[in-house]
Amino acid sequence: MEEQRSNAGQGLGIAGLVLGIMAIITGIIPCTFYLGILLGIMGIVLAIVALIQANRGFGRKGLIVAALVCSTVGFVFASVWVFVISNHGVRNVIEEVMREKGFGSDERWEQMDWESDDTLRGFGDDTASWSDQPSDMKGMTDSLKNLEEDVQ
C-alpha cells in the first residue's frame, strides 16, 4: 500500500523559510545582528516543529529542510558578528589590523596588557573619578578652573 503525501507542516515550513531568509539578511548587517539572532532562532524552532509535523503526516520535507538551513545560516552569520563586536573579538581584530599595516613590532603586541587597558571598555562607564586621571589632566582642569575664576 502506497503512502499518501499530505501538506502537513508546509505552513510552518514557509514561515520558517521567510524567517530564515530575513535572518540571513539581518545577520549580515552589523547593526541588525541582534534581530538576525532572534529571527534565526524563531525560524529554527518553526522549521523543527514543521519537520515533526511532516514526519507524522507523511508530508514533503524539502521546503522545511530549506527553512532549517536558511535559519541556521542566518543565526550563524549573526553569531559571528556578536563575536567580532564583543570586547575580546574587537581587540583581536584591532591587533591583527595593526600588525598587517606594520604599526609596531610583534614584541610590542605580545607585551601589551589588554586586561588593564580601558580604551575598549564600555563608553558609558562613569566609574572613573578625577583621582584616577593622569596628573596632566588634573593640572589642565585646575588651570581651566583658575581661568574661569579670573574671567568672573
Protein backbone atom coordinates (compact mmCIF):
# COMPACT_ATOMS: atom_id res chain seq x y z
CA MET A 1 0.00 0.00 0.00
CA GLU A 2 1.38 3.39 -1.04
CA GLU A 3 1.56 6.24 1.47
CA GLN A 4 -0.33 9.38 0.54
CA ARG A 5 1.57 12.65 0.66
CA SER A 6 -0.02 15.48 2.65
CA ASN A 7 0.67 19.13 3.26
CA ALA A 8 1.48 18.60 6.92
CA GLY A 9 3.96 21.18 8.20
CA GLN A 10 4.08 23.20 4.99
CA GLY A 11 2.60 26.36 6.53
CA LEU A 12 5.14 26.39 9.34
CA GLY A 13 7.84 25.48 6.82
CA ILE A 14 7.04 28.56 4.72
CA ALA A 15 7.04 30.75 7.84
CA GLY A 16 10.37 29.25 8.88
CA LEU A 17 11.81 29.85 5.41
CA VAL A 18 10.74 33.50 5.44
CA LEU A 19 12.23 33.96 8.90
CA GLY A 20 15.41 32.21 7.78
CA ILE A 21 15.83 34.49 4.76
CA MET A 22 15.22 37.53 6.95
CA ALA A 23 17.74 36.16 9.48
CA ILE A 24 20.38 35.89 6.75
CA ILE A 25 19.75 39.45 5.61
CA THR A 26 19.76 40.95 9.11
CA GLY A 27 22.59 38.68 10.23
CA ILE A 28 24.93 40.03 7.55
CA ILE A 29 24.38 43.68 8.50
CA PRO A 30 26.45 44.61 11.59
CA CYS A 31 23.90 46.91 13.24
CA THR A 32 20.97 44.48 12.94
CA PHE A 33 22.65 41.26 14.00
CA TYR A 34 20.62 41.04 17.22
CA LEU A 35 17.47 40.88 15.11
CA GLY A 36 19.20 38.24 12.97
CA ILE A 37 19.78 36.09 16.06
CA LEU A 38 16.15 36.43 17.11
CA LEU A 39 14.78 35.66 13.62
CA GLY A 40 17.20 32.75 13.23
CA ILE A 41 16.09 31.15 16.49
CA MET A 42 12.41 31.62 15.63
CA GLY A 43 12.99 30.15 12.15
CA ILE A 44 14.84 27.14 13.57
CA VAL A 45 12.05 26.45 16.06
CA LEU A 46 9.32 26.74 13.40
CA ALA A 47 11.28 24.51 11.00
CA ILE A 48 11.78 21.82 13.65
CA VAL A 49 8.07 21.86 14.55
CA ALA A 50 7.18 21.69 10.84
CA LEU A 51 9.60 18.79 10.34
CA ILE A 52 7.96 16.88 13.20
CA GLN A 53 4.52 17.52 11.68
CA ALA A 54 5.71 16.45 8.23
CA ASN A 55 7.15 13.21 9.63
CA ARG A 56 3.91 12.37 11.40
CA GLY A 57 1.67 13.30 8.47
CA PHE A 58 3.86 11.92 5.65
CA GLY A 59 4.36 15.43 4.26
CA ARG A 60 7.05 16.75 1.98
CA LYS A 61 10.21 17.85 3.72
CA GLY A 62 12.19 19.76 1.05
CA LEU A 63 10.87 23.21 1.91
CA ILE A 64 11.16 22.51 5.61
CA VAL A 65 14.79 21.46 5.33
CA ALA A 66 15.50 24.62 3.31
CA ALA A 67 13.87 26.66 6.09
CA LEU A 68 16.03 24.93 8.69
CA VAL A 69 19.21 25.54 6.67
CA CYS A 70 18.41 29.23 5.99
CA SER A 71 17.53 29.89 9.62
CA THR A 72 20.71 28.19 10.81
CA VAL A 73 22.89 30.11 8.34
CA GLY A 74 21.28 33.42 9.40
CA PHE A 75 21.82 32.57 13.05
CA VAL A 76 25.48 31.70 12.39
CA PHE A 77 26.09 34.95 10.46
CA ALA A 78 24.61 36.97 13.32
CA SER A 79 26.59 34.99 15.90
CA VAL A 80 29.81 35.76 14.05
CA TRP A 81 29.03 39.49 14.39
CA VAL A 82 28.44 39.00 18.11
CA PHE A 83 31.93 37.53 18.44
CA VAL A 84 33.57 40.19 16.27
CA ILE A 85 31.94 43.06 18.12
CA SER A 86 32.46 41.60 21.57
CA ASN A 87 35.26 43.04 23.69
CA HIS A 88 37.69 40.19 23.09
CA GLY A 89 36.89 39.97 19.39
CA VAL A 90 37.42 43.69 18.84
CA ARG A 91 40.80 43.50 20.48
CA ASN A 92 41.87 40.63 18.24
CA VAL A 93 40.62 42.39 15.10
CA ILE A 94 42.41 45.63 16.02
CA GLU A 95 45.59 43.73 16.84
CA GLU A 96 45.56 41.87 13.51
CA VAL A 97 44.88 45.04 11.51
CA MET A 98 47.66 46.91 13.29
CA ARG A 99 50.11 44.05 12.68
CA GLU A 100 49.18 43.82 9.00
CA LYS A 101 49.65 47.56 8.47
CA GLY A 102 53.04 47.47 10.18
CA PHE A 103 52.25 49.58 13.25
CA GLY A 104 54.64 48.41 15.92
CA SER A 105 56.65 45.27 16.31
CA ASP A 106 55.38 41.83 17.29
CA GLU A 107 57.14 42.06 20.65
CA ARG A 108 55.20 45.21 21.47
CA TRP A 109 51.87 43.48 20.80
CA GLU A 110 52.82 40.45 22.85
CA GLN A 111 53.87 42.64 25.81
CA MET A 112 50.71 44.74 25.75
CA ASP A 113 48.47 44.10 28.75
CA TRP A 114 44.98 44.02 27.25
CA GLU A 115 43.25 43.35 30.55
CA SER A 116 44.37 46.61 32.17
CA ASP A 117 43.76 48.68 29.02
CA ASP A 118 40.47 50.56 29.42
CA THR A 119 40.37 52.07 25.93
CA LEU A 120 37.99 49.46 24.54
CA ARG A 121 35.71 49.14 27.55
CA GLY A 122 32.13 50.48 27.64
CA PHE A 123 31.82 54.10 26.58
CA GLY A 124 29.09 54.95 29.09
CA ASP A 125 31.16 53.91 32.09
CA ASP A 126 31.20 56.81 34.58
CA THR A 127 33.06 54.98 37.33
CA ALA A 128 36.33 56.86 36.82
CA SER A 129 36.99 59.67 39.28
CA TRP A 130 39.31 62.64 38.98
CA SER A 131 41.88 60.94 41.15
CA ASP A 132 42.17 58.20 38.52
CA GLN A 133 43.08 60.71 35.82
CA PRO A 134 46.70 61.36 34.90
CA SER A 135 48.38 64.32 36.60
CA ASP A 136 48.49 66.26 33.29
CA MET A 137 44.72 66.07 33.01
CA LYS A 138 44.28 67.20 36.60
CA GLY A 139 46.67 70.10 36.03
CA MET A 140 44.77 71.17 32.92
CA THR A 141 41.50 71.03 34.81
CA ASP A 142 42.91 73.15 37.63
CA SER A 143 44.22 75.68 35.09
CA LEU A 144 40.80 75.91 33.45
CA LYS A 145 39.14 76.49 36.82
CA ASN A 146 41.63 79.27 37.59
CA LEU A 147 40.95 80.90 34.20
CA GLU A 148 37.20 80.78 34.83
CA GLU A 149 37.66 82.46 38.20
CA ASP A 150 39.82 85.19 36.63
CA VAL A 151 37.17 85.95 34.00
CA GLN A 152 34.40 86.32 36.58
